[in-house]
C-alpha atoms as a PDB file:
ATOM      1  CA  UNK A   1      13.959   1.786 -18.566  1.00  0.00           C
ATOM      2  CA  UNK A   2      10.532   2.178 -15.463  1.00  0.00           C
ATOM      3  CA  UNK A   3       9.230   5.240 -15.056  1.00  0.00           C
ATOM      4  CA  UNK A   4       7.396   6.461 -12.167  1.00  0.00           C
ATOM      5  CA  UNK A   5       3.910   7.154 -15.110  1.00  0.00           C
ATOM      6  CA  UNK A   6       3.794   3.571 -15.366  1.00  0.00           C
ATOM      7  CA  UNK A   7       4.063   2.128 -11.612  1.00  0.00           C
ATOM      8  CA  UNK A   8       1.999   2.559  -8.289  1.00  0.00           C
ATOM      9  CA  UNK A   9       2.859   2.515  -5.089  1.00  0.00           C
ATOM     10  CA  UNK A  10       1.243  -0.710  -3.658  1.00  0.00           C
ATOM     11  CA  UNK A  11       2.790  -0.697   0.425  1.00  0.00           C
ATOM     12  CA  UNK A  12       6.282  -0.479   2.263  1.00  0.00           C
ATOM     13  CA  UNK A  13       9.330  -2.764   3.119  1.00  0.00           C
ATOM     14  CA  UNK A  14       9.226  -2.669   6.762  1.00  0.00           C
ATOM     15  CA  UNK A  15      12.499  -4.665   7.861  1.00  0.00           C
ATOM     16  CA  UNK A  16      14.722  -8.477   7.387  1.00  0.00           C
ATOM     17  CA  UNK A  17      13.491 -11.270   8.665  1.00  0.00           C
ATOM     18  CA  UNK A  18      15.571 -13.348   9.581  1.00  0.00           C
ATOM     19  CA  UNK A  19      19.354 -14.267   7.237  1.00  0.00           C
ATOM     20  CA  UNK A  20      17.542 -15.799   4.004  1.00  0.00           C
ATOM     21  CA  UNK A  21      16.673 -12.475   2.611  1.00  0.00           C
ATOM     22  CA  UNK A  22      13.387 -12.601   3.468  1.00  0.00           C
ATOM     23  CA  UNK A  23      11.822  -9.125   4.316  1.00  0.00           C
ATOM     24  CA  UNK A  24       8.479  -7.948   6.037  1.00  0.00           C
ATOM     25  CA  UNK A  25       5.885  -5.725   3.119  1.00  0.00           C
ATOM     26  CA  UNK A  26       2.744  -3.593   4.579  1.00  0.00           C
ATOM     27  CA  UNK A  27       0.405  -2.669   2.235  1.00  0.00           C
ATOM     28  CA  UNK A  28      -2.073  -4.727  -0.849  1.00  0.00           C
ATOM     29  CA  UNK A  29      -2.143  -6.030  -3.681  1.00  0.00           C
ATOM     30  CA  UNK A  30       1.194  -7.893  -3.578  1.00  0.00           C
ATOM     31  CA  UNK A  31       1.515 -10.200  -7.006  1.00  0.00           C
ATOM     32  CA  UNK A  32       1.734 -14.152  -6.273  1.00  0.00           C
ATOM     33  CA  UNK A  33       5.001 -15.224  -7.360  1.00  0.00           C
ATOM     34  CA  UNK A  34       5.642 -15.863 -10.868  1.00  0.00           C
ATOM     35  CA  UNK A  35       7.481 -15.364 -13.967  1.00  0.00           C
ATOM     36  CA  UNK A  36       5.973 -12.325 -15.141  1.00  0.00           C
ATOM     37  CA  UNK A  37       5.519 -11.244 -11.070  1.00  0.00           C
ATOM     38  CA  UNK A  38       7.385  -8.215  -9.960  1.00  0.00           C
ATOM     39  CA  UNK A  39       7.743  -5.578  -7.381  1.00  0.00           C
ATOM     40  CA  UNK A  40       9.062  -2.384  -7.918  1.00  0.00           C
ATOM     41  CA  UNK A  41      11.627  -0.228  -5.846  1.00  0.00           C
ATOM     42  CA  UNK A  42      13.552   2.806  -6.269  1.00  0.00           C
ATOM     43  CA  UNK A  43      16.978   2.707  -5.813  1.00  0.00           C
ATOM     44  CA  UNK A  44      19.834   5.587  -6.086  1.00  0.00           C
ATOM     45  CA  UNK A  45      17.106   7.079  -8.685  1.00  0.00           C
ATOM     46  CA  UNK A  46      16.326   4.623 -10.947  1.00  0.00           C
ATOM     47  CA  UNK A  47      13.377   2.025 -10.932  1.00  0.00           C
ATOM     48  CA  UNK A  48      14.591  -1.484 -10.018  1.00  0.00           C
ATOM     49  CA  UNK A  49      12.255  -4.376 -10.869  1.00  0.00           C
ATOM     50  CA  UNK A  50      12.461  -7.601  -7.998  1.00  0.00           C
ATOM     51  CA  UNK A  51      10.809 -11.080  -9.042  1.00  0.00           C
ATOM     52  CA  UNK A  52       9.122 -12.931  -6.263  1.00  0.00           C
ATOM     53  CA  UNK A  53      10.018 -15.913  -5.206  1.00  0.00           C
ATOM     54  CA  UNK A  54       7.731 -16.965  -2.883  1.00  0.00           C
ATOM     55  CA  UNK A  55       5.097 -14.574   0.139  1.00  0.00           C
ATOM     56  CA  UNK A  56       3.468 -16.231   3.434  1.00  0.00           C
ATOM     57  CA  UNK A  57       1.769 -14.401   6.735  1.00  0.00           C
ATOM     58  CA  UNK A  58       3.424 -13.181   9.108  1.00  0.00           C
ATOM     59  CA  UNK A  59       0.286 -11.740  10.903  1.00  0.00           C
ATOM     60  CA  UNK A  60      -2.748 -10.064   9.462  1.00  0.00           C
ATOM     61  CA  UNK A  61      -1.301  -7.563   8.186  1.00  0.00           C
ATOM     62  CA  UNK A  62       1.980  -8.192   7.175  1.00  0.00           C
ATOM     63  CA  UNK A  63       3.977 -10.293   4.895  1.00  0.00           C
ATOM     64  CA  UNK A  64       7.100 -12.474   4.510  1.00  0.00           C
ATOM     65  CA  UNK A  65       8.197 -11.653   0.869  1.00  0.00           C
ATOM     66  CA  UNK A  66      11.319 -13.618  -0.638  1.00  0.00           C
ATOM     67  CA  UNK A  67      12.451 -11.912  -3.605  1.00  0.00           C
ATOM     68  CA  UNK A  68      14.655 -13.710  -6.471  1.00  0.00           C
ATOM     69  CA  UNK A  69      18.322 -11.698  -6.183  1.00  0.00           C
ATOM     70  CA  UNK A  70      17.645 -10.828  -2.593  1.00  0.00           C
ATOM     71  CA  UNK A  71      19.157 -13.591  -0.858  1.00  0.00           C
ATOM     72  CA  UNK A  72      21.277 -12.423   2.439  1.00  0.00           C
ATOM     73  CA  UNK A  73      19.489  -9.965   5.480  1.00  0.00           C
ATOM     74  CA  UNK A  74      22.100  -7.424   4.372  1.00  0.00           C
ATOM     75  CA  UNK A  75      20.908  -7.591   0.757  1.00  0.00           C
ATOM     76  CA  UNK A  76      17.451  -7.582   2.482  1.00  0.00           C
ATOM     77  CA  UNK A  77      18.139  -4.558   4.800  1.00  0.00           C
ATOM     78  CA  UNK A  78      18.869  -2.524   1.713  1.00  0.00           C
ATOM     79  CA  UNK A  79      14.988  -2.300   1.103  1.00  0.00           C
ATOM     80  CA  UNK A  80      13.608  -2.122   4.185  1.00  0.00           C
ATOM     81  CA  UNK A  81      11.602   1.160   4.987  1.00  0.00           C
ATOM     82  CA  UNK A  82      11.323   1.233   0.700  1.00  0.00           C
ATOM     83  CA  UNK A  83       7.555   1.704  -0.785  1.00  0.00           C
ATOM     84  CA  UNK A  84       7.047  -0.974  -2.975  1.00  0.00           C
ATOM     85  CA  UNK A  85       5.277  -0.298  -6.326  1.00  0.00           C
ATOM     86  CA  UNK A  86       3.301  -2.905  -9.303  1.00  0.00           C
ATOM     87  CA  UNK A  87       3.503  -1.572 -12.720  1.00  0.00           C
ATOM     88  CA  UNK A  88      -0.320   0.409 -13.437  1.00  0.00           C
ATOM     89  CA  UNK A  89      -1.803  -1.756 -15.147  1.00  0.00           C
ATOM     90  CA  UNK A  90      -1.161  -4.940 -12.767  1.00  0.00           C
ATOM     91  CA  UNK A  91      -2.112  -2.646 -10.135  1.00  0.00           C
ATOM     92  CA  UNK A  92      -5.718  -0.872 -12.196  1.00  0.00           C
ATOM     93  CA  UNK A  93      -6.854  -5.530 -12.203  1.00  0.00           C
ATOM     94  CA  UNK A  94      -7.408  -5.011  -9.336  1.00  0.00           C
ATOM     95  CA  UNK A  95     -11.350  -4.747  -8.607  1.00  0.00           C
ATOM     96  CA  UNK A  96     -12.026  -1.725  -8.347  1.00  0.00           C
ATOM     97  CA  UNK A  97     -14.980  -1.753  -5.925  1.00  0.00           C
ATOM     98  CA  UNK A  98     -12.587  -3.157  -3.097  1.00  0.00           C
ATOM     99  CA  UNK A  99     -11.713  -1.514  -0.056  1.00  0.00           C
ATOM    100  CA  UNK A 100      -8.122  -2.239  -0.449  1.00  0.00           C
ATOM    101  CA  UNK A 101      -8.372  -0.603  -4.515  1.00  0.00           C
ATOM    102  CA  UNK A 102      -8.608   2.842  -3.081  1.00  0.00           C
ATOM    103  CA  UNK A 103      -4.779   2.467  -1.062  1.00  0.00           C
ATOM    104  CA  UNK A 104      -2.523   4.943  -2.053  1.00  0.00           C
ATOM    105  CA  UNK A 105      -4.999   7.398  -2.430  1.00  0.00           C
ATOM    106  CA  UNK A 106      -5.161  10.918  -0.643  1.00  0.00           C
ATOM    107  CA  UNK A 107      -8.337  10.858   1.757  1.00  0.00           C
ATOM    108  CA  UNK A 108     -10.151  14.784   1.285  1.00  0.00           C
ATOM    109  CA  UNK A 109     -12.970  16.189   3.971  1.00  0.00           C
ATOM    110  CA  UNK A 110     -16.255  17.420   2.044  1.00  0.00           C
ATOM    111  CA  UNK A 111     -14.490  20.444   1.709  1.00  0.00           C
ATOM    112  CA  UNK A 112     -12.120  18.977  -0.602  1.00  0.00           C
ATOM    113  CA  UNK A 113      -9.474  19.600   2.757  1.00  0.00           C
ATOM    114  CA  UNK A 114      -6.461  16.433   2.568  1.00  0.00           C
ATOM    115  CA  UNK A 115      -6.832  14.424   5.908  1.00  0.00           C
ATOM    116  CA  UNK A 116      -3.607  12.252   4.216  1.00  0.00           C
ATOM    117  CA  UNK A 117      -2.869   9.100   2.827  1.00  0.00           C
ATOM    118  CA  UNK A 118      -4.517   6.034   2.968  1.00  0.00           C
ATOM    119  CA  UNK A 119      -2.017   3.128   2.900  1.00  0.00           C
ATOM    120  CA  UNK A 120      -4.212   0.011   4.717  1.00  0.00           C
ATOM    121  CA  UNK A 121      -7.760  -1.755   5.375  1.00  0.00           C
ATOM    122  CA  UNK A 122      -7.778  -2.780   8.607  1.00  0.00           C
ATOM    123  CA  UNK A 123     -10.943  -5.572   8.195  1.00  0.00           C
ATOM    124  CA  UNK A 124      -9.859  -6.932  12.174  1.00  0.00           C
ATOM    125  CA  UNK A 125     -12.962  -5.650  13.456  1.00  0.00           C
ATOM    126  CA  UNK A 126     -16.979  -5.856  12.185  1.00  0.00           C
ATOM    127  CA  UNK A 127     -15.949  -2.694  10.498  1.00  0.00           C
ATOM    128  CA  UNK A 128     -13.770  -2.032   7.619  1.00  0.00           C
ATOM    129  CA  UNK A 129     -11.723   1.377   8.162  1.00  0.00           C
ATOM    130  CA  UNK A 130      -9.323   3.288   6.215  1.00  0.00           C
ATOM    131  CA  UNK A 131      -5.920   3.588   7.655  1.00  0.00           C
ATOM    132  CA  UNK A 132      -4.640   7.124   7.017  1.00  0.00           C
ATOM    133  CA  UNK A 133      -1.029   8.768   7.137  1.00  0.00           C
ATOM    134  CA  UNK A 134      -1.982  12.063   8.476  1.00  0.00           C
ATOM    135  CA  UNK A 135       1.932  12.996   8.935  1.00  0.00           C
ATOM    136  CA  UNK A 136       2.075  13.343  12.023  1.00  0.00           C
ATOM    137  CA  UNK A 137      -1.102  10.613  13.121  1.00  0.00           C
ATOM    138  CA  UNK A 138      -2.858   7.349  12.463  1.00  0.00           C
ATOM    139  CA  UNK A 139      -6.421   7.595  11.629  1.00  0.00           C
ATOM    140  CA  UNK A 140      -8.891   5.502  11.270  1.00  0.00           C
ATOM    141  CA  UNK A 141     -12.239   6.262   9.500  1.00  0.00           C
ATOM    142  CA  UNK A 142     -14.345   3.622   8.287  1.00  0.00           C
ATOM    143  CA  UNK A 143     -15.170   2.539   4.695  1.00  0.00           C
ATOM    144  CA  UNK A 144     -18.810   3.850   4.105  1.00  0.00           C
ATOM    145  CA  UNK A 145     -20.049   3.590   0.571  1.00  0.00           C
ATOM    146  CA  UNK A 146     -22.838   5.858   2.084  1.00  0.00           C
ATOM    147  CA  UNK A 147     -19.941   8.585   2.754  1.00  0.00           C
ATOM    148  CA  UNK A 148     -18.503   8.699  -0.258  1.00  0.00           C
ATOM    149  CA  UNK A 149     -19.268  11.645  -2.482  1.00  0.00           C
ATOM    150  CA  UNK A 150     -16.456  11.978  -4.855  1.00  0.00           C
ATOM    151  CA  UNK A 151     -13.490   9.207  -6.665  1.00  0.00           C
ATOM    152  CA  UNK A 152     -10.975  10.799  -8.611  1.00  0.00           C
ATOM    153  CA  UNK A 153      -8.941   7.764 -10.039  1.00  0.00           C
ATOM    154  CA  UNK A 154      -6.640   9.989 -12.109  1.00  0.00           C
ATOM    155  CA  UNK A 155      -5.511  11.973  -9.391  1.00  0.00           C
ATOM    156  CA  UNK A 156      -5.577   9.375  -6.547  1.00  0.00           C
ATOM    157  CA  UNK A 157      -8.294  11.437  -4.351  1.00  0.00           C
ATOM    158  CA  UNK A 158     -11.655   9.566  -2.630  1.00  0.00           C
ATOM    159  CA  UNK A 159     -13.279  12.857  -1.174  1.00  0.00           C
ATOM    160  CA  UNK A 160     -16.163  11.508   2.048  1.00  0.00           C
ATOM    161  CA  UNK A 161     -18.633  13.013   4.096  1.00  0.00           C
ATOM    162  CA  UNK A 162     -16.993  12.620   7.523  1.00  0.00           C
ATOM    163  CA  UNK A 163     -20.045  13.129  10.815  1.00  0.00           C
ATOM    164  CA  UNK A 164     -18.394  16.442  12.321  1.00  0.00           C
ATOM    165  CA  UNK A 165     -16.606  15.477  15.017  1.00  0.00           C
ATOM    166  CA  UNK A 166     -15.369  11.328  13.478  1.00  0.00           C
ATOM    167  CA  UNK A 167     -11.777  13.194  13.426  1.00  0.00           C
ATOM    168  CA  UNK A 168     -12.217  14.447  16.541  1.00  0.00           C
ATOM    169  CA  UNK A 169     -12.452  11.406  18.267  1.00  0.00           C
ATOM    170  CA  UNK A 170      -8.825   9.867  20.468  1.00  0.00           C
END
């Protein structure tokens, strides 16, 4: 049985694409199709593994995923909006120096005040940006190494010294 302690959130499913069972995925570290590569979703209180049969890009932020045992639009619709997890040991294999490794971390300001969860890295501009879900709006914060004050990998927290006024923009 898969337990919550042995998995890590890597993203979420969006909506079905077509009638063959493909579904949109937004996030990072989606494994390549393969015999031992699977993701996990919570279904009715149980963490269920889904094996990946295929992945293709739809946009720079959305990938279309084809899963074994999900062969119709109706089956894919049941996964819409579900958080997607990966076994912790597989998720930790990601290069820790990669900015994408911070997805799923709670971003804090220098005082320890929680700003929100880092849900993505926006690389559409010359400067990489953390996409932070504050619960009410999306916040874009530049991914600047010099701003990092502390990283708590066990607690999945990232503390930054963000310049005054930056969070007030927008």
